[in-house]
Amino acid sequence: MTGPVRIMAARHGQSEANLAYQQAAGAPLVYERGDHEVTLTDLGRRQAAALGRRLATLPAGEAPELVWCSPYLRAHDTWAVAQRSWGGPELAVTVDERLRDREWGSLGPYNHAAIELHFPEESARHRAEGEYGYRPPGGESFGDVAERLRHFTADLHEAAAGRRVLIVAHDAVVLVLRHVLARTPDADLPALAAHTPIRNASLSTWHARDGHLHLTTFNDTSHLSGLSS
């Protein structure tokens, strides 16, 4: 059998930006820190540690052997904390730009309320084109994310043949990976809304069988039980 025998995908733990948006509670917010430099909150680190403990419970034949990681700091930090908590072997980590979060271009610093306030024409276009068709100025649509993940998974097919892989990335990546691995046409991207939100430090798993990767768990947060802010 070619390609990975198992893929696990984790979203990073709660980030400083996640917390800032949550605390804004729908009020306009302009978050000035660059997407690549945002790290984890204390809760995010505890979530990452819980993810590591979850990995420690896996049988030897299911535990990851290789790690692919987003270039963003919050994903790196999630894996670093999880690795220490897991206590397993030091795994080879490959950083891949294609695992970065969905890019919002010039609208990146603004939450939705701030976009509505400062760029009402973009809010109107967003509503008209829908969440999964909209491409912000200089940014990406979900279809764009799907295209880069198709290239990523094609390369992973060769690079991780016969191996078990953990991907540490972002909500958009985990969500669209579900779409890409199922080989669903992009016209069906809006159906992904039924599977949102992708939770911080959640774990999703695909297992190879009969030459295909089959989804076994998605957006699982059972290992985070008892954690609070």
C-alpha atoms as a PDB file:
ATOM      1  CA  MET A   1       0.000   0.000   0.000  1.00  0.00           C
ATOM      2  CA  THR A   2       1.387   3.406  -0.910  1.00  0.00           C
ATOM      3  CA  GLY A   3       0.831   6.665   0.899  1.00  0.00           C
ATOM      4  CA  PRO A   4       0.517   7.190   4.670  1.00  0.00           C
ATOM      5  CA  VAL A   5      -1.228   4.394   6.543  1.00  0.00           C
ATOM      6  CA  ARG A   6      -2.608   6.856   9.085  1.00  0.00           C
ATOM      7  CA  ILE A   7      -3.017  10.625   9.163  1.00  0.00           C
ATOM      8  CA  MET A   8      -3.827  12.571  12.307  1.00  0.00           C
ATOM      9  CA  ALA A   9      -4.495  16.309  12.114  1.00  0.00           C
ATOM     10  CA  ALA A  10      -4.492  18.570  15.155  1.00  0.00           C
ATOM     11  CA  ARG A  11      -5.434  22.211  15.397  1.00  0.00           C
ATOM     12  CA  HIS A  12      -3.120  24.330  17.536  1.00  0.00           C
ATOM     13  CA  GLY A  13      -4.094  25.187  21.118  1.00  0.00           C
ATOM     14  CA  GLN A  14      -5.820  28.447  21.966  1.00  0.00           C
ATOM     15  CA  SER A  15      -3.722  31.333  20.643  1.00  0.00           C
ATOM     16  CA  GLU A  16      -3.371  34.895  21.851  1.00  0.00           C
ATOM     17  CA  ALA A  17      -5.368  36.013  18.808  1.00  0.00           C
ATOM     18  CA  ASN A  18      -8.117  33.461  19.501  1.00  0.00           C
ATOM     19  CA  LEU A  19      -8.443  34.899  22.997  1.00  0.00           C
ATOM     20  CA  ALA A  20      -8.448  38.502  21.761  1.00  0.00           C
ATOM     21  CA  TYR A  21     -11.235  37.777  19.275  1.00  0.00           C
ATOM     22  CA  GLN A  22     -13.196  35.924  21.950  1.00  0.00           C
ATOM     23  CA  GLN A  23     -12.872  38.805  24.384  1.00  0.00           C
ATOM     24  CA  ALA A  24     -13.985  41.285  21.716  1.00  0.00           C
ATOM     25  CA  ALA A  25     -17.351  39.490  21.801  1.00  0.00           C
ATOM     26  CA  GLY A  26     -18.323  40.716  18.347  1.00  0.00           C
ATOM     27  CA  ALA A  27     -17.115  44.304  18.840  1.00  0.00           C
ATOM     28  CA  PRO A  28     -14.751  45.704  16.186  1.00  0.00           C
ATOM     29  CA  LEU A  29     -11.162  44.586  16.751  1.00  0.00           C
ATOM     30  CA  VAL A  30      -7.965  45.331  14.855  1.00  0.00           C
ATOM     31  CA  TYR A  31      -5.314  42.826  15.970  1.00  0.00           C
ATOM     32  CA  GLU A  32      -1.916  44.150  14.954  1.00  0.00           C
ATOM     33  CA  ARG A  33       0.345  41.150  15.576  1.00  0.00           C
ATOM     34  CA  GLY A  34       1.331  39.212  12.476  1.00  0.00           C
ATOM     35  CA  ASP A  35      -0.308  35.839  11.914  1.00  0.00           C
ATOM     36  CA  HIS A  36       3.068  34.086  11.936  1.00  0.00           C
ATOM     37  CA  GLU A  37       4.131  35.417  15.368  1.00  0.00           C
ATOM     38  CA  VAL A  38       1.048  34.734  17.500  1.00  0.00           C
ATOM     39  CA  THR A  39       1.731  32.105  20.162  1.00  0.00           C
ATOM     40  CA  LEU A  40      -0.303  30.184  22.735  1.00  0.00           C
ATOM     41  CA  THR A  41      -2.138  31.346  25.827  1.00  0.00           C
ATOM     42  CA  ASP A  42      -1.783  29.483  29.110  1.00  0.00           C
ATOM     43  CA  LEU A  43      -4.965  27.581  28.235  1.00  0.00           C
ATOM     44  CA  GLY A  44      -3.523  26.821  24.810  1.00  0.00           C
ATOM     45  CA  ARG A  45      -0.424  25.293  26.382  1.00  0.00           C
ATOM     46  CA  ARG A  46      -2.568  23.170  28.688  1.00  0.00           C
ATOM     47  CA  GLN A  47      -4.600  22.043  25.681  1.00  0.00           C
ATOM     48  CA  ALA A  48      -1.403  21.126  23.846  1.00  0.00           C
ATOM     49  CA  ALA A  49      -0.213  19.140  26.862  1.00  0.00           C
ATOM     50  CA  ALA A  50      -3.538  17.280  26.903  1.00  0.00           C
ATOM     51  CA  LEU A  51      -3.078  16.509  23.211  1.00  0.00           C
ATOM     52  CA  GLY A  52       0.309  15.009  24.031  1.00  0.00           C
ATOM     53  CA  ARG A  53      -1.210  12.858  26.765  1.00  0.00           C
ATOM     54  CA  ARG A  54      -3.795  11.673  24.220  1.00  0.00           C
ATOM     55  CA  LEU A  55      -1.005  10.604  21.877  1.00  0.00           C
ATOM     56  CA  ALA A  56       0.598   8.712  24.762  1.00  0.00           C
ATOM     57  CA  THR A  57      -2.518   6.528  25.069  1.00  0.00           C
ATOM     58  CA  LEU A  58      -2.308   5.326  21.466  1.00  0.00           C
ATOM     59  CA  PRO A  59      -1.125   1.775  20.791  1.00  0.00           C
ATOM     60  CA  ALA A  60       2.345   1.568  19.266  1.00  0.00           C
ATOM     61  CA  GLY A  61       0.855   0.752  15.879  1.00  0.00           C
ATOM     62  CA  GLU A  62      -1.225   3.945  15.859  1.00  0.00           C
ATOM     63  CA  ALA A  63       1.162   6.539  17.291  1.00  0.00           C
ATOM     64  CA  PRO A  64       2.641   9.050  14.837  1.00  0.00           C
ATOM     65  CA  GLU A  65       6.067   8.419  13.335  1.00  0.00           C
ATOM     66  CA  LEU A  66       6.476  11.687  11.425  1.00  0.00           C
ATOM     67  CA  VAL A  67       5.211  15.229  11.975  1.00  0.00           C
ATOM     68  CA  TRP A  68       4.316  17.895   9.423  1.00  0.00           C
ATOM     69  CA  CYS A  69       3.771  21.356  10.869  1.00  0.00           C
ATOM     70  CA  SER A  70       2.493  24.762   9.812  1.00  0.00           C
ATOM     71  CA  PRO A  71       5.187  27.472   9.685  1.00  0.00           C
ATOM     72  CA  TYR A  72       3.259  29.573  12.225  1.00  0.00           C
ATOM     73  CA  LEU A  73       4.533  29.847  15.793  1.00  0.00           C
ATOM     74  CA  ARG A  74       1.313  28.734  17.467  1.00  0.00           C
ATOM     75  CA  ALA A  75       1.490  25.412  15.616  1.00  0.00           C
ATOM     76  CA  HIS A  76       5.189  24.939  16.430  1.00  0.00           C
ATOM     77  CA  ASP A  77       4.542  25.685  20.086  1.00  0.00           C
ATOM     78  CA  THR A  78       1.609  23.274  20.186  1.00  0.00           C
ATOM     79  CA  TRP A  79       3.760  20.433  18.933  1.00  0.00           C
ATOM     80  CA  ALA A  80       6.659  21.334  21.261  1.00  0.00           C
ATOM     81  CA  VAL A  81       4.378  21.195  24.314  1.00  0.00           C
ATOM     82  CA  ALA A  82       2.577  18.071  23.077  1.00  0.00           C
ATOM     83  CA  GLN A  83       5.856  16.284  22.377  1.00  0.00           C
ATOM     84  CA  ARG A  84       7.108  16.914  25.921  1.00  0.00           C
ATOM     85  CA  SER A  85       3.788  15.803  27.429  1.00  0.00           C
ATOM     86  CA  TRP A  86       3.672  12.701  25.253  1.00  0.00           C
ATOM     87  CA  GLY A  87       7.171  11.640  26.256  1.00  0.00           C
ATOM     88  CA  GLY A  88       7.531   9.599  23.088  1.00  0.00           C
ATOM     89  CA  PRO A  89      10.499   9.492  20.732  1.00  0.00           C
ATOM     90  CA  GLU A  90      11.779  12.683  19.127  1.00  0.00           C
ATOM     91  CA  LEU A  91      10.052  12.718  15.761  1.00  0.00           C
ATOM     92  CA  ALA A  92      11.283  14.259  12.541  1.00  0.00           C
ATOM     93  CA  VAL A  93       9.334  17.485  11.918  1.00  0.00           C
ATOM     94  CA  THR A  94       8.800  18.915   8.454  1.00  0.00           C
ATOM     95  CA  VAL A  95       7.605  22.523   8.231  1.00  0.00           C
ATOM     96  CA  ASP A  96       5.464  23.093   5.153  1.00  0.00           C
ATOM     97  CA  GLU A  97       4.180  26.504   4.032  1.00  0.00           C
ATOM     98  CA  ARG A  98       1.117  24.866   2.528  1.00  0.00           C
ATOM     99  CA  LEU A  99      -0.120  24.086   6.048  1.00  0.00           C
ATOM    100  CA  ARG A 100      -0.408  27.782   6.973  1.00  0.00           C
ATOM    101  CA  ASP A 101      -3.776  29.170   8.004  1.00  0.00           C
ATOM    102  CA  ARG A 102      -6.179  30.613   5.443  1.00  0.00           C
ATOM    103  CA  GLU A 103      -4.815  34.004   4.407  1.00  0.00           C
ATOM    104  CA  TRP A 104      -7.021  37.065   4.732  1.00  0.00           C
ATOM    105  CA  GLY A 105      -4.700  39.438   2.863  1.00  0.00           C
ATOM    106  CA  SER A 106      -5.205  43.110   3.629  1.00  0.00           C
ATOM    107  CA  LEU A 107      -8.128  42.227   5.925  1.00  0.00           C
ATOM    108  CA  GLY A 108      -5.966  39.993   8.131  1.00  0.00           C
ATOM    109  CA  PRO A 109      -5.812  42.306  11.201  1.00  0.00           C
ATOM    110  CA  TYR A 110      -9.586  42.884  11.317  1.00  0.00           C
ATOM    111  CA  ASN A 111     -12.317  40.770  12.851  1.00  0.00           C
ATOM    112  CA  HIS A 112     -15.667  40.551  11.078  1.00  0.00           C
ATOM    113  CA  ALA A 113     -17.164  43.458  13.008  1.00  0.00           C
ATOM    114  CA  ALA A 114     -14.183  45.664  12.140  1.00  0.00           C
ATOM    115  CA  ILE A 115     -14.426  44.681   8.470  1.00  0.00           C
ATOM    116  CA  GLU A 116     -18.101  45.642   8.516  1.00  0.00           C
ATOM    117  CA  LEU A 117     -17.167  49.005  10.046  1.00  0.00           C
ATOM    118  CA  HIS A 118     -14.140  49.891   7.917  1.00  0.00           C
ATOM    119  CA  PHE A 119     -14.757  47.935   4.689  1.00  0.00           C
ATOM    120  CA  PRO A 120     -18.527  47.617   4.278  1.00  0.00           C
ATOM    121  CA  GLU A 121     -18.155  46.844   0.576  1.00  0.00           C
ATOM    122  CA  GLU A 122     -16.087  43.765   1.454  1.00  0.00           C
ATOM    123  CA  SER A 123     -18.640  42.648   4.024  1.00  0.00           C
ATOM    124  CA  ALA A 124     -21.311  42.940   1.344  1.00  0.00           C
ATOM    125  CA  ARG A 125     -19.224  40.919  -1.109  1.00  0.00           C
ATOM    126  CA  HIS A 126     -18.542  38.319   1.565  1.00  0.00           C
ATOM    127  CA  ARG A 127     -22.266  37.899   2.195  1.00  0.00           C
ATOM    128  CA  ALA A 128     -23.011  37.719  -1.512  1.00  0.00           C
ATOM    129  CA  GLU A 129     -20.320  35.175  -2.351  1.00  0.00           C
ATOM    130  CA  GLY A 130     -20.666  33.113   0.819  1.00  0.00           C
ATOM    131  CA  GLU A 131     -18.076  32.018   3.360  1.00  0.00           C
ATOM    132  CA  TYR A 132     -16.657  29.293   1.142  1.00  0.00           C
ATOM    133  CA  GLY A 133     -16.519  31.253  -2.107  1.00  0.00           C
ATOM    134  CA  TYR A 134     -15.252  34.590  -0.818  1.00  0.00           C
ATOM    135  CA  ARG A 135     -11.630  35.599  -1.473  1.00  0.00           C
ATOM    136  CA  PRO A 136     -10.553  38.691   0.526  1.00  0.00           C
ATOM    137  CA  PRO A 137      -8.245  41.211  -1.191  1.00  0.00           C
ATOM    138  CA  GLY A 138      -4.809  39.632  -1.360  1.00  0.00           C
ATOM    139  CA  GLY A 139      -6.071  36.584   0.519  1.00  0.00           C
ATOM    140  CA  GLU A 140      -7.490  33.134  -0.132  1.00  0.00           C
ATOM    141  CA  SER A 141     -10.830  31.488  -0.633  1.00  0.00           C
ATOM    142  CA  PHE A 142     -11.465  28.040   0.785  1.00  0.00           C
ATOM    143  CA  GLY A 143     -11.004  26.765  -2.755  1.00  0.00           C
ATOM    144  CA  ASP A 144      -7.490  28.217  -2.743  1.00  0.00           C
ATOM    145  CA  VAL A 145      -6.753  26.424   0.523  1.00  0.00           C
ATOM    146  CA  ALA A 146      -8.088  23.197  -0.995  1.00  0.00           C
ATOM    147  CA  GLU A 147      -5.793  23.565  -4.001  1.00  0.00           C
ATOM    148  CA  ARG A 148      -2.637  23.956  -1.924  1.00  0.00           C
ATOM    149  CA  LEU A 149      -3.666  21.051   0.310  1.00  0.00           C
ATOM    150  CA  ARG A 150      -4.139  18.848  -2.759  1.00  0.00           C
ATOM    151  CA  HIS A 151      -0.533  19.562  -3.713  1.00  0.00           C
ATOM    152  CA  PHE A 152       0.557  18.924  -0.128  1.00  0.00           C
ATOM    153  CA  THR A 153      -1.235  15.575   0.154  1.00  0.00           C
ATOM    154  CA  ALA A 154       0.121  14.478  -3.234  1.00  0.00           C
ATOM    155  CA  ASP A 155       3.656  15.090  -1.967  1.00  0.00           C
ATOM    156  CA  LEU A 156       2.846  13.473   1.389  1.00  0.00           C
ATOM    157  CA  HIS A 157       1.694  10.376  -0.461  1.00  0.00           C
ATOM    158  CA  GLU A 158       5.283   9.768  -1.538  1.00  0.00           C
ATOM    159  CA  ALA A 159       7.180  11.285   1.400  1.00  0.00           C
ATOM    160  CA  ALA A 160       5.280   9.337   4.076  1.00  0.00           C
ATOM    161  CA  ALA A 161       4.467   6.106   2.242  1.00  0.00           C
ATOM    162  CA  GLY A 162       3.708   3.359   4.737  1.00  0.00           C
ATOM    163  CA  ARG A 163       4.123   5.693   7.713  1.00  0.00           C
ATOM    164  CA  ARG A 164       1.883   7.251  10.360  1.00  0.00           C
ATOM    165  CA  VAL A 165       1.718  11.046  10.164  1.00  0.00           C
ATOM    166  CA  LEU A 166       0.656  13.830  12.510  1.00  0.00           C
ATOM    167  CA  ILE A 167      -0.194  17.238  10.986  1.00  0.00           C
ATOM    168  CA  VAL A 168      -0.235  20.235  13.350  1.00  0.00           C
ATOM    169  CA  ALA A 169      -1.925  23.211  11.757  1.00  0.00           C
ATOM    170  CA  HIS A 170      -5.057  25.402  11.810  1.00  0.00           C
ATOM    171  CA  ASP A 171      -8.838  25.184  11.742  1.00  0.00           C
ATOM    172  CA  ALA A 172      -9.087  25.960   8.015  1.00  0.00           C
ATOM    173  CA  VAL A 173      -6.449  23.330   7.224  1.00  0.00           C
ATOM    174  CA  VAL A 174      -8.108  20.588   9.271  1.00  0.00           C
ATOM    175  CA  LEU A 175     -11.528  21.441   7.848  1.00  0.00           C
ATOM    176  CA  VAL A 176     -10.406  21.532   4.230  1.00  0.00           C
ATOM    177  CA  LEU A 177      -8.245  18.438   4.670  1.00  0.00           C
ATOM    178  CA  ARG A 178     -11.488  16.560   5.326  1.00  0.00           C
ATOM    179  CA  HIS A 179     -12.750  17.812   1.957  1.00  0.00           C
ATOM    180  CA  VAL A 180      -9.516  17.032   0.098  1.00  0.00           C
ATOM    181  CA  LEU A 181      -8.992  13.524   1.474  1.00  0.00           C
ATOM    182  CA  ALA A 182     -12.604  12.665   0.628  1.00  0.00           C
ATOM    183  CA  ARG A 183     -11.914  13.901  -2.932  1.00  0.00           C
ATOM    184  CA  THR A 184     -15.045  16.000  -2.831  1.00  0.00           C
ATOM    185  CA  PRO A 185     -15.562  18.544  -5.647  1.00  0.00           C
ATOM    186  CA  ASP A 186     -15.054  22.162  -4.666  1.00  0.00           C
ATOM    187  CA  ALA A 187     -18.670  22.917  -5.543  1.00  0.00           C
ATOM    188  CA  ASP A 188     -19.453  21.070  -2.297  1.00  0.00           C
ATOM    189  CA  LEU A 189     -17.174  23.194  -0.095  1.00  0.00           C
ATOM    190  CA  PRO A 190     -20.145  24.957   1.592  1.00  0.00           C
ATOM    191  CA  ALA A 191     -21.163  21.580   3.066  1.00  0.00           C
ATOM    192  CA  LEU A 192     -18.119  21.859   5.349  1.00  0.00           C
ATOM    193  CA  ALA A 193     -20.063  24.350   7.451  1.00  0.00           C
ATOM    194  CA  ALA A 194     -21.790  21.380   9.108  1.00  0.00           C
ATOM    195  CA  HIS A 195     -18.434  20.368  10.641  1.00  0.00           C
ATOM    196  CA  THR A 196     -17.438  23.710  12.156  1.00  0.00           C
ATOM    197  CA  PRO A 197     -16.062  25.066  14.376  1.00  0.00           C
ATOM    198  CA  ILE A 198     -12.803  23.126  14.482  1.00  0.00           C
ATOM    199  CA  ARG A 199     -11.815  23.215  18.138  1.00  0.00           C
ATOM    200  CA  ASN A 200      -8.436  24.184  19.517  1.00  0.00           C
ATOM    201  CA  ALA A 201      -6.209  21.118  20.082  1.00  0.00           C
ATOM    202  CA  SER A 202      -8.826  18.845  18.504  1.00  0.00           C
ATOM    203  CA  LEU A 203      -7.669  15.652  16.820  1.00  0.00           C
ATOM    204  CA  SER A 204      -8.961  14.157  13.570  1.00  0.00           C
ATOM    205  CA  THR A 205      -7.862  10.796  12.209  1.00  0.00           C
ATOM    206  CA  TRP A 206      -7.874   9.003   8.861  1.00  0.00           C
ATOM    207  CA  HIS A 207      -6.860   5.358   8.453  1.00  0.00           C
ATOM    208  CA  ALA A 208      -5.829   3.734   5.165  1.00  0.00           C
ATOM    209  CA  ARG A 209      -7.915   0.806   4.015  1.00  0.00           C
ATOM    210  CA  ASP A 210      -8.436  -0.660   0.541  1.00  0.00           C
ATOM    211  CA  GLY A 211      -6.193   1.968  -0.985  1.00  0.00           C
ATOM    212  CA  HIS A 212      -8.150   4.910   0.461  1.00  0.00           C
ATOM    213  CA  LEU A 213      -7.956   7.062   3.572  1.00  0.00           C
ATOM    214  CA  HIS A 214     -11.110   6.688   5.661  1.00  0.00           C
ATOM    215  CA  LEU A 215     -12.141   9.212   8.303  1.00  0.00           C
ATOM    216  CA  THR A 216     -12.463   7.563  11.720  1.00  0.00           C
ATOM    217  CA  THR A 217     -12.707  10.543  14.107  1.00  0.00           C
ATOM    218  CA  PHE A 218     -13.117  14.238  13.411  1.00  0.00           C
ATOM    219  CA  ASN A 219     -12.665  17.308  15.597  1.00  0.00           C
ATOM    220  CA  ASP A 220     -12.403  15.113  18.700  1.00  0.00           C
ATOM    221  CA  THR A 221     -11.802  17.007  21.949  1.00  0.00           C
ATOM    222  CA  SER A 222     -12.508  14.254  24.478  1.00  0.00           C
ATOM    223  CA  HIS A 223      -8.918  14.594  25.753  1.00  0.00           C
ATOM    224  CA  LEU A 224      -9.639  18.220  26.745  1.00  0.00           C
ATOM    225  CA  SER A 225     -12.333  17.307  29.262  1.00  0.00           C
ATOM    226  CA  GLY A 226     -11.966  19.324  32.448  1.00  0.00           C
ATOM    227  CA  LEU A 227      -9.841  22.086  30.944  1.00  0.00           C
ATOM    228  CA  SER A 228     -11.119  25.606  31.389  1.00  0.00           C
ATOM    229  CA  SER A 229      -9.857  29.145  30.990  1.00  0.00           C
END
